[in-house]
Structure formats: C-alpha cells, structure tokens
C-alpha cells in the first residue's frame, strides 16, 4: 500500500490510527506500507511520524504538492491510499477504515 499524507493534514492524522491498527494486524500476513509525505518541513514530518507511531517506511522529498511521487500517482488530495497487488498494479484507491482493511484482507487471502 502507498499512503500519501502530511503532518499538517488533519484528516490524514485522524486516519493514521486506523492505518496503524491495520498494519499491526496484517503486516505479519504480508502487508507492507510506504508512507509518502507531502510535507516541506522535516522537523514537523518526523515529529508526526513519531507521535502517530508510523513504523513502516516513510519517504518525503520535502517538496509539498510538488512531490514527484505524488505527481506520478496523480494525487490531488490527501489522505490518498493506493492498494497495490503483488505485481505492483493499483487495485484500489481512496479506501479508508473498514473498507481499506477488507480490501487488504481480500488481497492477502489470494
């Protein structure tokens, strides 16, 4: 899963506990997440990672909305989640909460 977020994004920060719970439950079954931050302040970005307990890989070019990864995925708002299959193809996007968890469980079961 690729999860686009930022420290300054209220909806992102409210969704983070859900993503943490999904990761904690399903990582051992094969779930991996890469967090891509649209931050431009490294201190605030790192503080948010620590505070929200985001233990999976986190990356940021610290270019805000000019982030090349976000441009590649055509991200226009955050939070934005992209669920990828084992081949790296996007199979779902924009899911949150129970819908996100259900889709990941479905894919891990295949």
N, C-alpha and C. Protein backbone atom coordinates (compact mmCIF):
# COMPACT_ATOMS: atom_id res chain seq x y z
N UNK A 1 0.84 -1.17 0.00
CA UNK A 1 0.00 0.00 0.00
C UNK A 1 0.89 1.24 0.00
N UNK A 2 0.49 2.23 -0.74
CA UNK A 2 1.17 3.52 -0.72
C UNK A 2 0.19 4.50 -0.10
N UNK A 3 0.64 5.18 0.95
CA UNK A 3 -0.22 6.08 1.72
C UNK A 3 0.35 7.49 1.66
N UNK A 4 -0.36 8.38 0.96
CA UNK A 4 0.05 9.78 0.87
C UNK A 4 -0.60 10.55 2.01
N UNK A 5 0.20 11.35 2.71
CA UNK A 5 -0.28 12.08 3.87
C UNK A 5 0.65 13.26 4.12
N UNK A 6 0.36 14.04 5.17
CA UNK A 6 1.26 15.12 5.61
C UNK A 6 0.97 15.43 7.07
N UNK A 7 1.97 15.95 7.74
CA UNK A 7 1.82 16.28 9.17
C UNK A 7 0.77 17.36 9.40
N UNK A 8 0.58 18.24 8.43
CA UNK A 8 -0.35 19.37 8.56
C UNK A 8 -1.77 19.01 8.14
N UNK A 9 -1.99 17.79 7.71
CA UNK A 9 -3.30 17.36 7.18
C UNK A 9 -4.13 16.71 8.28
N UNK A 10 -5.14 17.43 8.76
CA UNK A 10 -6.00 16.92 9.83
C UNK A 10 -6.65 15.58 9.50
N UNK A 11 -7.30 15.44 8.33
CA UNK A 11 -7.90 14.14 8.00
C UNK A 11 -6.87 13.00 7.93
N UNK A 12 -5.66 13.32 7.49
CA UNK A 12 -4.61 12.30 7.43
C UNK A 12 -4.26 11.84 8.85
N UNK A 13 -4.08 12.79 9.72
CA UNK A 13 -3.68 12.46 11.09
C UNK A 13 -4.78 11.69 11.81
N UNK A 14 -6.05 12.00 11.50
CA UNK A 14 -7.16 11.26 12.10
C UNK A 14 -7.25 9.84 11.55
N UNK A 15 -6.81 9.62 10.32
CA UNK A 15 -6.84 8.29 9.71
C UNK A 15 -5.63 7.44 10.13
N UNK A 16 -4.54 8.08 10.54
CA UNK A 16 -3.33 7.33 10.88
C UNK A 16 -3.54 6.23 11.92
N UNK A 17 -4.31 6.45 13.00
CA UNK A 17 -4.51 5.35 13.95
C UNK A 17 -5.14 4.12 13.31
N UNK A 18 -6.04 4.33 12.37
CA UNK A 18 -6.65 3.21 11.65
C UNK A 18 -5.61 2.47 10.82
N UNK A 19 -4.76 3.21 10.12
CA UNK A 19 -3.72 2.59 9.29
C UNK A 19 -2.73 1.84 10.18
N UNK A 20 -2.39 2.41 11.32
CA UNK A 20 -1.50 1.74 12.27
C UNK A 20 -2.12 0.41 12.73
N UNK A 21 -3.40 0.42 13.06
CA UNK A 21 -4.07 -0.80 13.51
C UNK A 21 -4.08 -1.86 12.41
N UNK A 22 -4.36 -1.45 11.17
CA UNK A 22 -4.35 -2.39 10.05
C UNK A 22 -2.95 -2.96 9.85
N UNK A 23 -1.95 -2.10 9.90
CA UNK A 23 -0.57 -2.55 9.73
C UNK A 23 -0.19 -3.54 10.82
N UNK A 24 -0.49 -3.19 12.06
CA UNK A 24 -0.13 -4.06 13.19
C UNK A 24 -0.79 -5.44 13.07
N UNK A 25 -2.02 -5.46 12.57
CA UNK A 25 -2.74 -6.72 12.43
C UNK A 25 -2.29 -7.54 11.23
N UNK A 26 -1.97 -6.88 10.12
CA UNK A 26 -1.79 -7.60 8.87
C UNK A 26 -0.36 -7.63 8.31
N UNK A 27 0.55 -6.91 8.94
CA UNK A 27 1.93 -6.92 8.43
C UNK A 27 2.51 -8.33 8.41
N UNK A 28 2.26 -9.10 9.46
CA UNK A 28 2.81 -10.46 9.53
C UNK A 28 2.21 -11.37 8.45
N UNK A 29 1.09 -10.96 7.87
CA UNK A 29 0.44 -11.75 6.83
C UNK A 29 0.84 -11.27 5.42
N UNK A 30 1.70 -10.23 5.36
CA UNK A 30 2.22 -9.79 4.08
C UNK A 30 1.98 -8.34 3.71
N UNK A 31 1.26 -7.59 4.55
CA UNK A 31 1.00 -6.19 4.24
C UNK A 31 2.26 -5.36 4.44
N UNK A 32 2.59 -4.58 3.44
CA UNK A 32 3.65 -3.58 3.55
C UNK A 32 3.07 -2.23 3.15
N UNK A 33 3.54 -1.19 3.79
CA UNK A 33 3.09 0.16 3.51
C UNK A 33 4.31 1.04 3.28
N UNK A 34 4.18 1.93 2.33
CA UNK A 34 5.15 3.01 2.15
C UNK A 34 4.37 4.31 2.33
N UNK A 35 4.77 5.09 3.31
CA UNK A 35 4.15 6.40 3.53
C UNK A 35 4.90 7.45 2.74
N UNK A 36 4.16 8.25 1.99
CA UNK A 36 4.75 9.33 1.21
C UNK A 36 4.18 10.64 1.74
N UNK A 37 5.03 11.43 2.35
CA UNK A 37 4.58 12.67 2.96
C UNK A 37 4.71 13.85 2.01
N UNK A 38 3.69 14.69 2.02
CA UNK A 38 3.72 15.93 1.24
C UNK A 38 4.14 17.11 2.11
N UNK A 39 4.92 16.81 3.11
CA UNK A 39 5.46 17.86 3.97
C UNK A 39 6.58 18.61 3.26
N UNK A 40 6.87 19.81 3.79
CA UNK A 40 8.06 20.53 3.34
C UNK A 40 8.94 20.91 4.53
N UNK A 41 8.50 20.54 5.73
CA UNK A 41 9.25 20.82 6.96
C UNK A 41 9.69 19.49 7.56
N UNK A 42 11.00 19.19 7.51
CA UNK A 42 11.46 17.89 8.00
C UNK A 42 11.20 17.66 9.49
N UNK A 43 11.25 18.72 10.29
CA UNK A 43 11.04 18.57 11.73
C UNK A 43 9.59 18.17 12.02
N UNK A 44 8.64 18.88 11.44
CA UNK A 44 7.23 18.55 11.66
C UNK A 44 6.89 17.17 11.12
N UNK A 45 7.47 16.81 9.97
CA UNK A 45 7.24 15.49 9.37
C UNK A 45 7.72 14.39 10.33
N UNK A 46 8.93 14.51 10.83
CA UNK A 46 9.50 13.48 11.72
C UNK A 46 8.75 13.44 13.05
N UNK A 47 8.33 14.59 13.57
CA UNK A 47 7.55 14.61 14.81
C UNK A 47 6.23 13.88 14.62
N UNK A 48 5.57 14.08 13.49
CA UNK A 48 4.29 13.41 13.22
C UNK A 48 4.48 11.90 13.10
N UNK A 49 5.56 11.46 12.46
CA UNK A 49 5.84 10.03 12.34
C UNK A 49 5.96 9.42 13.73
N UNK A 50 6.72 10.08 14.60
CA UNK A 50 6.92 9.57 15.95
C UNK A 50 5.62 9.60 16.76
N UNK A 51 4.91 10.72 16.72
CA UNK A 51 3.69 10.87 17.52
C UNK A 51 2.61 9.88 17.09
N UNK A 52 2.48 9.66 15.78
CA UNK A 52 1.43 8.77 15.27
C UNK A 52 1.88 7.31 15.21
N UNK A 53 3.14 7.06 15.57
CA UNK A 53 3.69 5.70 15.61
C UNK A 53 3.63 5.00 14.24
N UNK A 54 4.10 5.72 13.24
CA UNK A 54 4.13 5.19 11.87
C UNK A 54 5.44 4.43 11.69
N UNK A 55 5.41 3.13 11.91
CA UNK A 55 6.65 2.35 11.97
C UNK A 55 7.07 1.77 10.62
N UNK A 56 6.25 1.92 9.60
CA UNK A 56 6.63 1.43 8.27
C UNK A 56 7.48 2.48 7.57
N UNK A 57 7.99 2.12 6.40
CA UNK A 57 8.87 3.01 5.63
C UNK A 57 8.17 4.32 5.31
N UNK A 58 8.84 5.42 5.58
CA UNK A 58 8.33 6.76 5.30
C UNK A 58 9.32 7.49 4.40
N UNK A 59 8.80 8.12 3.37
CA UNK A 59 9.65 8.90 2.48
C UNK A 59 9.01 10.27 2.24
N UNK A 60 9.85 11.23 1.94
CA UNK A 60 9.38 12.55 1.56
C UNK A 60 10.50 13.27 0.83
N UNK A 61 10.14 13.92 -0.24
CA UNK A 61 11.09 14.77 -0.94
C UNK A 61 11.07 16.18 -0.37
N UNK A 62 10.19 16.40 0.63
CA UNK A 62 10.03 17.70 1.29
C UNK A 62 9.72 18.80 0.28
N UNK A 63 8.90 18.45 -0.72
CA UNK A 63 8.51 19.41 -1.75
C UNK A 63 7.01 19.68 -1.76
N UNK A 64 6.32 19.29 -0.68
CA UNK A 64 4.89 19.55 -0.62
C UNK A 64 4.16 18.95 -1.81
N UNK A 65 3.28 19.74 -2.39
CA UNK A 65 2.46 19.27 -3.52
C UNK A 65 3.28 19.05 -4.79
N UNK A 66 4.53 19.47 -4.79
CA UNK A 66 5.41 19.26 -5.95
C UNK A 66 6.15 17.92 -5.85
N UNK A 67 5.79 17.09 -4.89
CA UNK A 67 6.44 15.80 -4.72
C UNK A 67 6.30 14.97 -5.99
N UNK A 68 7.42 14.47 -6.54
CA UNK A 68 7.34 13.72 -7.80
C UNK A 68 6.57 12.39 -7.68
N UNK A 69 6.59 11.77 -6.52
CA UNK A 69 5.84 10.52 -6.34
C UNK A 69 4.34 10.82 -6.37
N UNK A 70 3.94 11.89 -5.69
CA UNK A 70 2.53 12.29 -5.70
C UNK A 70 2.08 12.64 -7.11
N UNK A 71 2.95 13.28 -7.87
CA UNK A 71 2.61 13.62 -9.26
C UNK A 71 2.47 12.35 -10.10
N UNK A 72 3.34 11.37 -9.85
CA UNK A 72 3.28 10.11 -10.60
C UNK A 72 1.93 9.40 -10.34
N UNK A 73 1.46 9.45 -9.10
CA UNK A 73 0.18 8.82 -8.74
C UNK A 73 -1.01 9.75 -8.98
N UNK A 74 -0.74 10.95 -9.47
CA UNK A 74 -1.78 11.95 -9.73
C UNK A 74 -2.62 12.26 -8.48
N UNK A 75 -1.94 12.42 -7.36
CA UNK A 75 -2.59 12.74 -6.09
C UNK A 75 -3.04 14.19 -6.12
N UNK A 76 -4.31 14.41 -5.88
CA UNK A 76 -4.87 15.77 -5.86
C UNK A 76 -5.39 16.16 -4.49
N UNK A 77 -5.55 15.18 -3.60
CA UNK A 77 -5.96 15.47 -2.22
C UNK A 77 -5.42 14.36 -1.33
N UNK A 78 -5.27 14.68 -0.06
CA UNK A 78 -4.80 13.69 0.91
C UNK A 78 -5.73 13.69 2.11
N UNK A 79 -5.84 12.56 2.81
CA UNK A 79 -5.08 11.34 2.60
C UNK A 79 -5.49 10.64 1.30
N UNK A 80 -4.53 9.97 0.71
CA UNK A 80 -4.78 9.20 -0.50
C UNK A 80 -4.07 7.86 -0.36
N UNK A 81 -4.83 6.79 -0.44
CA UNK A 81 -4.26 5.46 -0.32
C UNK A 81 -4.39 4.72 -1.64
N UNK A 82 -3.33 4.01 -1.99
CA UNK A 82 -3.31 3.19 -3.19
C UNK A 82 -2.94 1.78 -2.76
N UNK A 83 -3.84 0.83 -2.98
CA UNK A 83 -3.58 -0.56 -2.65
C UNK A 83 -3.04 -1.22 -3.91
N UNK A 84 -1.88 -1.84 -3.78
CA UNK A 84 -1.23 -2.49 -4.91
C UNK A 84 -1.25 -4.00 -4.72
N UNK A 85 -1.33 -4.71 -5.84
CA UNK A 85 -1.23 -6.16 -5.76
C UNK A 85 0.25 -6.56 -5.75
N UNK A 86 0.52 -7.86 -5.74
CA UNK A 86 1.90 -8.31 -5.64
C UNK A 86 2.75 -7.92 -6.85
N UNK A 87 2.09 -7.61 -7.95
CA UNK A 87 2.81 -7.19 -9.16
C UNK A 87 3.03 -5.68 -9.21
N UNK A 88 2.49 -4.96 -8.23
CA UNK A 88 2.65 -3.51 -8.20
C UNK A 88 1.57 -2.75 -8.93
N UNK A 89 0.52 -3.44 -9.34
CA UNK A 89 -0.60 -2.78 -10.02
C UNK A 89 -1.57 -2.20 -8.98
N UNK A 90 -2.06 -1.00 -9.23
CA UNK A 90 -3.04 -0.39 -8.34
C UNK A 90 -4.37 -1.13 -8.53
N UNK A 91 -4.88 -1.69 -7.43
CA UNK A 91 -6.14 -2.44 -7.49
C UNK A 91 -7.26 -1.73 -6.74
N UNK A 92 -6.91 -0.74 -5.93
CA UNK A 92 -7.92 0.05 -5.22
C UNK A 92 -7.27 1.34 -4.76
N UNK A 93 -8.08 2.38 -4.66
CA UNK A 93 -7.55 3.64 -4.14
C UNK A 93 -8.64 4.41 -3.42
N UNK A 94 -8.20 5.27 -2.50
CA UNK A 94 -9.14 6.12 -1.79
C UNK A 94 -9.92 5.44 -0.69
N UNK A 95 -9.57 4.20 -0.35
CA UNK A 95 -10.29 3.50 0.70
C UNK A 95 -9.77 3.93 2.07
N UNK A 96 -10.67 3.91 3.04
CA UNK A 96 -10.30 4.22 4.43
C UNK A 96 -11.04 3.26 5.35
N UNK A 97 -10.58 3.20 6.58
CA UNK A 97 -11.28 2.46 7.61
C UNK A 97 -11.53 1.00 7.26
N UNK A 98 -12.75 0.56 7.53
CA UNK A 98 -13.11 -0.84 7.33
C UNK A 98 -13.02 -1.27 5.87
N UNK A 99 -13.31 -0.37 4.95
CA UNK A 99 -13.21 -0.71 3.52
C UNK A 99 -11.76 -1.01 3.13
N UNK A 100 -10.84 -0.22 3.65
CA UNK A 100 -9.42 -0.43 3.38
C UNK A 100 -8.98 -1.78 3.93
N UNK A 101 -9.33 -2.04 5.17
CA UNK A 101 -8.95 -3.30 5.81
C UNK A 101 -9.52 -4.49 5.05
N UNK A 102 -10.79 -4.42 4.66
CA UNK A 102 -11.43 -5.52 3.94
C UNK A 102 -10.73 -5.80 2.62
N UNK A 103 -10.36 -4.77 1.89
CA UNK A 103 -9.68 -4.95 0.61
C UNK A 103 -8.32 -5.59 0.79
N UNK A 104 -7.59 -5.17 1.81
CA UNK A 104 -6.27 -5.73 2.07
C UNK A 104 -6.40 -7.20 2.47
N UNK A 105 -7.36 -7.51 3.32
CA UNK A 105 -7.57 -8.91 3.72
C UNK A 105 -7.93 -9.74 2.50
N UNK A 106 -8.77 -9.21 1.63
CA UNK A 106 -9.13 -9.93 0.40
C UNK A 106 -7.90 -10.24 -0.44
N UNK A 107 -7.03 -9.26 -0.63
CA UNK A 107 -5.84 -9.45 -1.44
C UNK A 107 -4.83 -10.41 -0.79
N UNK A 108 -4.71 -10.33 0.51
CA UNK A 108 -3.76 -11.20 1.20
C UNK A 108 -4.23 -12.65 1.19
N UNK A 109 -5.54 -12.83 1.04
CA UNK A 109 -6.10 -14.18 1.00
C UNK A 109 -5.92 -14.89 -0.32
N UNK A 110 -5.54 -14.13 -1.34
CA UNK A 110 -5.38 -14.73 -2.69
C UNK A 110 -4.04 -15.41 -2.85
